[in-house]
Amino acid sequence: MFRLQKMKYVILIPLLLNQIIAAGETTRSETDSISVIIVQEAWHTGIILPVAPIKYEIWPEAAFFKGKKHVDVSWGDEKFYQAPGSPVLLATRAILWPTQSVMRIYPFSISISSAYTSEARFLVIKLSRQQFDRLTQFFASSLIRNQSNLPIASEVYGKSPYFFLSKRKYHLFRTCNTWVALAFKQAGLGNRSCCILNANQLFRVLEGRK
């Protein structure tokens, strides 16, 4: 949707990212920092978290991916995000007027270097225990839930195991990059989220917050 430019401060090699996450999976105290990673790949931007430090009382759904090492959490238009390829009509629809959004929650255990293409770029953000808890609270509170307080799976292309209905509407001025910036703002980093429309803007805003 937006042309991506190389940025001198953004690229961290996947091997280094794996080492950072592996080091973060040891036992932590309440005062230890926890490293999370912003990942931008193709049209989408998301956040990679270590699973081990997630508190189930804050984000109950994390219990379903216990045993996995990482979870990729991202957000986008319900139809476009799940469609194969990059359908232009769905992309146009998504930016021209507010549409239903979904959260993608994808747990995995393979190395980060194997999980993403060589074109992906990453930015490591270190959070305090409190900031990490606030980030996961933001995820939990962003989901649309049924009467049993369970997340509602998207069914636009058949019931999905990874995509769940989200509260905020997607549109031109609220993209996945805006949502990621808002997530870190809610976590307490003090960054702005308004008018963060593309990945370049997002990385520039958060680069100094590592």
Foldseek 3Di string as FASTA:
>chain_A
DDDDDDDPLWADDLVVVLVLLVVQLPDDDQFDKAKKKWKDDDAWIWIKHFLNLADCVLVVCSVVVPPFGIKTKFKFAPPQVPDPDGDPVVVVVLAPDWHWMKIFIGTHHDRPPVVGDPPMIMDMAIGRSQLVSQLSNVVLVFFDADPVSHFAADQPPHGDPTITTGDGTGYQFCGRLLVVQVSSVSSPLPFDSGRRRDPVSSCVRCVVRD
